[in-house]
Amino acid sequence: MGNWHYQVMRHKDSLGEDYYAIHEYYNMDGSGAWTENPVDVEGESVGDLKKSLLRMLNDIDKHGVKDFG
């Protein structure tokens, strides 16, 4: 069974330079799918924002960086 997590993805800009963004990522049996656009950080309260940011930080530590595309 797969699951969603936050994932840092390495992108290339129009000049070929790297930049990084956080996407939602779905991993199932070794293959992955991710959101086309990076995620926004928003919530109904400051507490919601903090929870989202902490999840993102934990997932960055756990899952590292993948190349976009």
C-alpha atoms as a PDB file:
ATOM      1  CA  MET A   1       0.000   0.000   0.000  1.00  0.00           C
ATOM      2  CA  GLY A   2       1.280   3.477  -0.830  1.00  0.00           C
ATOM      3  CA  ASN A   3       1.256   6.704   1.079  1.00  0.00           C
ATOM      4  CA  TRP A   4       1.585  10.448   0.512  1.00  0.00           C
ATOM      5  CA  HIS A   5       4.385  12.521   1.995  1.00  0.00           C
ATOM      6  CA  TYR A   6       6.093  15.842   1.361  1.00  0.00           C
ATOM      7  CA  GLN A   7       9.066  15.591  -0.969  1.00  0.00           C
ATOM      8  CA  VAL A   8      11.799  18.074  -1.915  1.00  0.00           C
ATOM      9  CA  MET A   9      12.175  18.012  -5.692  1.00  0.00           C
ATOM     10  CA  ARG A  10      15.148  19.427  -7.618  1.00  0.00           C
ATOM     11  CA  HIS A  11      14.051  21.422 -10.671  1.00  0.00           C
ATOM     12  CA  LYS A  12      15.975  23.130 -13.483  1.00  0.00           C
ATOM     13  CA  ASP A  13      15.158  26.700 -14.463  1.00  0.00           C
ATOM     14  CA  SER A  14      15.316  28.066 -18.019  1.00  0.00           C
ATOM     15  CA  LEU A  15      19.082  28.618 -17.641  1.00  0.00           C
ATOM     16  CA  GLY A  16      19.701  25.076 -16.428  1.00  0.00           C
ATOM     17  CA  GLU A  17      20.254  26.154 -12.811  1.00  0.00           C
ATOM     18  CA  ASP A  18      18.926  24.029  -9.947  1.00  0.00           C
ATOM     19  CA  TYR A  19      16.187  25.188  -7.639  1.00  0.00           C
ATOM     20  CA  TYR A  20      14.213  23.252  -5.044  1.00  0.00           C
ATOM     21  CA  ALA A  21      10.535  23.084  -4.112  1.00  0.00           C
ATOM     22  CA  ILE A  22       8.318  20.929  -1.901  1.00  0.00           C
ATOM     23  CA  HIS A  23       5.714  18.722  -3.575  1.00  0.00           C
ATOM     24  CA  GLU A  24       3.282  16.126  -2.342  1.00  0.00           C
ATOM     25  CA  TYR A  25       4.629  12.722  -3.351  1.00  0.00           C
ATOM     26  CA  TYR A  26       2.945   9.337  -3.546  1.00  0.00           C
ATOM     27  CA  ASN A  27       5.098   6.231  -3.305  1.00  0.00           C
ATOM     28  CA  MET A  28       3.673   2.829  -4.156  1.00  0.00           C
ATOM     29  CA  ASP A  29       5.755  -0.308  -4.597  1.00  0.00           C
ATOM     30  CA  GLY A  30       8.892   1.584  -5.630  1.00  0.00           C
ATOM     31  CA  SER A  31       7.293   3.901  -8.188  1.00  0.00           C
ATOM     32  CA  GLY A  32       6.316   7.469  -7.437  1.00  0.00           C
ATOM     33  CA  ALA A  33       3.932  10.190  -8.516  1.00  0.00           C
ATOM     34  CA  TRP A  34       3.948  13.812  -7.410  1.00  0.00           C
ATOM     35  CA  THR A  35       2.022  17.027  -7.725  1.00  0.00           C
ATOM     36  CA  GLU A  36       2.886  19.061 -10.799  1.00  0.00           C
ATOM     37  CA  ASN A  37       3.071  22.289  -8.793  1.00  0.00           C
ATOM     38  CA  PRO A  38       4.823  22.827  -5.461  1.00  0.00           C
ATOM     39  CA  VAL A  39       2.627  22.991  -2.375  1.00  0.00           C
ATOM     40  CA  ASP A  40       1.616  26.170  -0.596  1.00  0.00           C
ATOM     41  CA  VAL A  41       1.808  26.500   3.163  1.00  0.00           C
ATOM     42  CA  GLU A  42      -1.538  27.679   4.449  1.00  0.00           C
ATOM     43  CA  GLY A  43      -4.006  26.846   7.170  1.00  0.00           C
ATOM     44  CA  GLU A  44      -6.921  28.020   9.220  1.00  0.00           C
ATOM     45  CA  SER A  45      -4.660  28.981  12.133  1.00  0.00           C
ATOM     46  CA  VAL A  46      -1.047  29.558  13.055  1.00  0.00           C
ATOM     47  CA  GLY A  47      -1.154  26.135  14.715  1.00  0.00           C
ATOM     48  CA  ASP A  48      -2.155  24.557  11.391  1.00  0.00           C
ATOM     49  CA  LEU A  49       0.786  26.262   9.676  1.00  0.00           C
ATOM     50  CA  LYS A  50       3.197  25.010  12.324  1.00  0.00           C
ATOM     51  CA  LYS A  51       1.940  21.435  11.967  1.00  0.00           C
ATOM     52  CA  SER A  52       2.344  21.567   8.184  1.00  0.00           C
ATOM     53  CA  LEU A  53       5.835  23.019   8.420  1.00  0.00           C
ATOM     54  CA  LEU A  54       6.903  20.394  10.969  1.00  0.00           C
ATOM     55  CA  ARG A  55       5.584  17.602   8.718  1.00  0.00           C
ATOM     56  CA  MET A  56       7.507  19.098   5.802  1.00  0.00           C
ATOM     57  CA  LEU A  57      10.725  19.308   7.813  1.00  0.00           C
ATOM     58  CA  ASN A  58      10.350  15.738   9.069  1.00  0.00           C
ATOM     59  CA  ASP A  59       9.680  14.435   5.560  1.00  0.00           C
ATOM     60  CA  ILE A  60      12.684  16.323   4.141  1.00  0.00           C
ATOM     61  CA  ASP A  61      14.910  14.593   6.700  1.00  0.00           C
ATOM     62  CA  LYS A  62      13.291  11.208   6.032  1.00  0.00           C
ATOM     63  CA  HIS A  63      13.020  11.247   2.216  1.00  0.00           C
ATOM     64  CA  GLY A  64      15.777  13.577   0.977  1.00  0.00           C
ATOM     65  CA  VAL A  65      15.712  15.120  -2.526  1.00  0.00           C
ATOM     66  CA  LYS A  66      14.424  13.653  -5.806  1.00  0.00           C
ATOM     67  CA  ASP A  67      14.772  15.044  -9.305  1.00  0.00           C
ATOM     68  CA  PHE A  68      11.573  16.522 -10.780  1.00  0.00           C
ATOM     69  CA  GLY A  69      10.537  15.122 -14.100  1.00  0.00           C
END
